[in-house]
Amino acid sequence: MFNLFKKKTIQGTKAIFKLSGLHCSSCALSIDNTLEEIDGVIETKTNYAKAEAIVYFDSKKTSPEALKKAIIGAGYQVLD
């Protein structure tokens, strides 16, 4: 028997970005797709309603600065 509610453990460094410029859930999907193209990104979850992106990544392959640059390059703003 297996547990259907077993929580997946994500390995890696976590970064949370507060965003501006999201107009719909497609914007969140666009950000996720952009971030997933970066080598070292393990998982990304962008939430339109909260205007934030949570990214798990391998810090040996990428950095928060590179992730932020990719979000900006996709046409969105990262708030400080």
N, C-alpha and C. Protein backbone atom coordinates (compact mmCIF):
# COMPACT_ATOMS: atom_id res chain seq x y z
N MET A 1 0.84 -1.18 0.00
CA MET A 1 0.00 0.00 0.00
C MET A 1 0.88 1.24 0.00
N PHE A 2 0.40 2.31 -0.60
CA PHE A 2 1.17 3.55 -0.64
C PHE A 2 0.31 4.72 -0.15
N ASN A 3 0.97 5.76 0.22
CA ASN A 3 0.30 6.93 0.76
C ASN A 3 0.06 7.94 -0.36
N LEU A 4 -1.19 8.20 -0.67
CA LEU A 4 -1.52 9.17 -1.72
C LEU A 4 -1.18 10.60 -1.32
N PHE A 5 -1.01 10.82 -0.03
CA PHE A 5 -0.79 12.17 0.46
C PHE A 5 0.65 12.43 0.84
N LYS A 6 1.54 11.57 0.42
CA LYS A 6 2.95 11.77 0.73
C LYS A 6 3.44 13.02 0.02
N LYS A 7 4.03 13.91 0.78
CA LYS A 7 4.51 15.17 0.24
C LYS A 7 5.86 14.99 -0.45
N LYS A 8 5.96 15.56 -1.64
CA LYS A 8 7.20 15.50 -2.40
C LYS A 8 8.23 16.44 -1.77
N THR A 9 9.42 15.95 -1.55
CA THR A 9 10.48 16.77 -0.99
C THR A 9 11.29 17.36 -2.14
N ILE A 10 11.45 18.66 -2.13
CA ILE A 10 12.20 19.34 -3.18
C ILE A 10 13.57 19.68 -2.64
N GLN A 11 14.58 19.26 -3.33
CA GLN A 11 15.96 19.58 -2.97
C GLN A 11 16.38 20.84 -3.72
N GLY A 12 17.24 21.62 -3.13
CA GLY A 12 17.76 22.81 -3.79
C GLY A 12 17.55 24.05 -2.96
N THR A 13 18.03 25.14 -3.49
CA THR A 13 17.89 26.45 -2.85
C THR A 13 16.57 27.06 -3.28
N LYS A 14 15.91 27.73 -2.36
CA LYS A 14 14.61 28.33 -2.63
C LYS A 14 14.75 29.85 -2.74
N ALA A 15 14.16 30.41 -3.78
CA ALA A 15 14.11 31.86 -3.94
C ALA A 15 12.66 32.27 -4.17
N ILE A 16 12.25 33.36 -3.53
CA ILE A 16 10.90 33.88 -3.71
C ILE A 16 11.02 35.29 -4.30
N PHE A 17 10.34 35.50 -5.42
CA PHE A 17 10.36 36.79 -6.09
C PHE A 17 8.96 37.40 -6.06
N LYS A 18 8.85 38.63 -5.56
CA LYS A 18 7.61 39.40 -5.64
C LYS A 18 7.60 40.06 -7.02
N LEU A 19 6.47 39.96 -7.71
CA LEU A 19 6.40 40.37 -9.11
C LEU A 19 5.39 41.48 -9.35
N SER A 20 5.57 42.15 -10.47
CA SER A 20 4.63 43.15 -10.95
C SER A 20 4.50 42.97 -12.46
N GLY A 21 3.34 43.30 -12.97
CA GLY A 21 3.13 43.19 -14.41
C GLY A 21 2.36 41.95 -14.83
N LEU A 22 1.93 41.14 -13.87
CA LEU A 22 1.13 39.97 -14.19
C LEU A 22 -0.32 40.41 -14.37
N HIS A 23 -0.93 39.99 -15.48
CA HIS A 23 -2.31 40.37 -15.75
C HIS A 23 -3.28 39.20 -15.71
N CYS A 24 -2.73 37.98 -15.79
CA CYS A 24 -3.60 36.80 -15.80
C CYS A 24 -2.77 35.55 -15.49
N SER A 25 -3.44 34.42 -15.42
CA SER A 25 -2.72 33.17 -15.13
C SER A 25 -1.78 32.77 -16.25
N SER A 26 -2.02 33.25 -17.45
CA SER A 26 -1.10 32.97 -18.56
C SER A 26 0.24 33.65 -18.34
N CYS A 27 0.22 34.79 -17.67
CA CYS A 27 1.47 35.48 -17.33
C CYS A 27 2.30 34.59 -16.39
N ALA A 28 1.64 33.99 -15.42
CA ALA A 28 2.33 33.10 -14.47
C ALA A 28 2.92 31.91 -15.21
N LEU A 29 2.18 31.36 -16.13
CA LEU A 29 2.66 30.23 -16.92
C LEU A 29 3.86 30.64 -17.78
N SER A 30 3.81 31.83 -18.32
CA SER A 30 4.92 32.35 -19.13
C SER A 30 6.20 32.46 -18.30
N ILE A 31 6.07 32.94 -17.08
CA ILE A 31 7.22 33.06 -16.19
C ILE A 31 7.76 31.67 -15.85
N ASP A 32 6.87 30.74 -15.53
CA ASP A 32 7.31 29.38 -15.23
C ASP A 32 8.06 28.77 -16.41
N ASN A 33 7.52 28.93 -17.60
CA ASN A 33 8.18 28.38 -18.80
C ASN A 33 9.55 29.00 -19.02
N THR A 34 9.66 30.29 -18.79
CA THR A 34 10.94 30.98 -18.95
C THR A 34 11.96 30.46 -17.95
N LEU A 35 11.56 30.34 -16.70
CA LEU A 35 12.48 29.89 -15.66
C LEU A 35 12.89 28.44 -15.84
N GLU A 36 11.96 27.60 -16.31
CA GLU A 36 12.27 26.18 -16.49
C GLU A 36 13.31 25.93 -17.58
N GLU A 37 13.54 26.90 -18.44
CA GLU A 37 14.55 26.78 -19.48
C GLU A 37 15.97 26.98 -18.94
N ILE A 38 16.09 27.50 -17.74
CA ILE A 38 17.40 27.80 -17.17
C ILE A 38 17.99 26.53 -16.56
N ASP A 39 19.23 26.23 -16.94
CA ASP A 39 19.92 25.07 -16.40
C ASP A 39 20.09 25.26 -14.89
N GLY A 40 19.65 24.28 -14.14
CA GLY A 40 19.77 24.34 -12.69
C GLY A 40 18.45 24.58 -11.98
N VAL A 41 17.42 24.99 -12.72
CA VAL A 41 16.12 25.19 -12.10
C VAL A 41 15.48 23.81 -11.90
N ILE A 42 15.08 23.54 -10.68
CA ILE A 42 14.49 22.25 -10.33
C ILE A 42 12.97 22.32 -10.45
N GLU A 43 12.40 23.36 -9.88
CA GLU A 43 10.95 23.53 -9.93
C GLU A 43 10.61 25.00 -9.75
N THR A 44 9.55 25.43 -10.40
CA THR A 44 9.09 26.80 -10.25
C THR A 44 7.58 26.83 -10.14
N LYS A 45 7.08 27.69 -9.27
CA LYS A 45 5.65 27.85 -9.05
C LYS A 45 5.35 29.34 -9.00
N THR A 46 4.76 29.86 -10.05
CA THR A 46 4.39 31.27 -10.07
C THR A 46 2.90 31.36 -9.79
N ASN A 47 2.54 32.21 -8.84
CA ASN A 47 1.16 32.39 -8.43
C ASN A 47 0.70 33.78 -8.85
N TYR A 48 -0.24 33.81 -9.79
CA TYR A 48 -0.77 35.09 -10.30
C TYR A 48 -1.45 35.89 -9.19
N ALA A 49 -2.28 35.24 -8.39
CA ALA A 49 -3.04 35.94 -7.34
C ALA A 49 -2.13 36.56 -6.29
N LYS A 50 -1.05 35.88 -5.95
CA LYS A 50 -0.10 36.41 -4.96
C LYS A 50 0.98 37.27 -5.59
N ALA A 51 1.07 37.26 -6.92
CA ALA A 51 2.10 38.00 -7.66
C ALA A 51 3.49 37.63 -7.15
N GLU A 52 3.75 36.31 -7.10
CA GLU A 52 5.07 35.86 -6.66
C GLU A 52 5.47 34.58 -7.39
N ALA A 53 6.76 34.41 -7.49
CA ALA A 53 7.32 33.19 -8.07
C ALA A 53 8.21 32.54 -7.01
N ILE A 54 8.00 31.25 -6.79
CA ILE A 54 8.85 30.48 -5.90
C ILE A 54 9.65 29.53 -6.78
N VAL A 55 10.97 29.62 -6.65
CA VAL A 55 11.84 28.84 -7.52
C VAL A 55 12.81 28.03 -6.67
N TYR A 56 12.90 26.73 -6.96
CA TYR A 56 13.89 25.86 -6.36
C TYR A 56 14.96 25.61 -7.41
N PHE A 57 16.22 25.81 -7.03
CA PHE A 57 17.28 25.71 -8.02
C PHE A 57 18.56 25.17 -7.40
N ASP A 58 19.44 24.70 -8.26
CA ASP A 58 20.76 24.22 -7.87
C ASP A 58 21.69 25.43 -7.88
N SER A 59 22.15 25.84 -6.71
CA SER A 59 22.97 27.05 -6.60
C SER A 59 24.35 26.90 -7.23
N LYS A 60 24.72 25.68 -7.62
CA LYS A 60 25.98 25.48 -8.32
C LYS A 60 25.83 25.74 -9.81
N LYS A 61 24.59 25.81 -10.29
CA LYS A 61 24.34 25.99 -11.72
C LYS A 61 23.74 27.34 -12.08
N THR A 62 23.04 27.96 -11.15
CA THR A 62 22.43 29.26 -11.43
C THR A 62 22.33 30.05 -10.13
N SER A 63 21.84 31.27 -10.23
CA SER A 63 21.78 32.16 -9.07
C SER A 63 20.47 32.95 -9.07
N PRO A 64 20.12 33.52 -7.92
CA PRO A 64 18.92 34.37 -7.89
C PRO A 64 19.01 35.53 -8.88
N GLU A 65 20.20 36.06 -9.07
CA GLU A 65 20.37 37.17 -10.02
C GLU A 65 20.04 36.73 -11.44
N ALA A 66 20.46 35.52 -11.82
CA ALA A 66 20.16 35.01 -13.16
C ALA A 66 18.66 34.76 -13.32
N LEU A 67 18.03 34.27 -12.27
CA LEU A 67 16.59 34.03 -12.32
C LEU A 67 15.83 35.35 -12.47
N LYS A 68 16.25 36.34 -11.69
CA LYS A 68 15.63 37.67 -11.76
C LYS A 68 15.80 38.27 -13.15
N LYS A 69 16.97 38.12 -13.72
CA LYS A 69 17.23 38.64 -15.06
C LYS A 69 16.32 37.98 -16.10
N ALA A 70 16.09 36.69 -15.95
CA ALA A 70 15.21 35.96 -16.88
C ALA A 70 13.77 36.45 -16.76
N ILE A 71 13.31 36.70 -15.54
CA ILE A 71 11.94 37.20 -15.34
C ILE A 71 11.79 38.57 -15.98
N ILE A 72 12.77 39.43 -15.77
CA ILE A 72 12.74 40.77 -16.37
C ILE A 72 12.79 40.67 -17.89
N GLY A 73 13.62 39.76 -18.40
CA GLY A 73 13.72 39.55 -19.84
C GLY A 73 12.43 39.06 -20.46
N ALA A 74 11.59 38.41 -19.66
CA ALA A 74 10.29 37.93 -20.14
C ALA A 74 9.23 39.04 -20.12
N GLY A 75 9.62 40.22 -19.60
CA GLY A 75 8.71 41.36 -19.64
C GLY A 75 8.00 41.67 -18.34
N TYR A 76 8.49 41.13 -17.23
CA TYR A 76 7.85 41.37 -15.94
C TYR A 76 8.83 42.05 -15.01
N GLN A 77 8.30 42.66 -13.95
CA GLN A 77 9.14 43.37 -12.99
C GLN A 77 9.29 42.54 -11.72
N VAL A 78 10.48 42.59 -11.16
CA VAL A 78 10.75 41.94 -9.88
C VAL A 78 10.87 43.05 -8.84
N LEU A 79 10.03 42.99 -7.82
CA LEU A 79 10.02 44.02 -6.79
C LEU A 79 11.05 43.68 -5.72
N ASP A 80 11.63 44.69 -5.13
CA ASP A 80 12.62 44.49 -4.06
C ASP A 80 11.97 44.34 -2.72
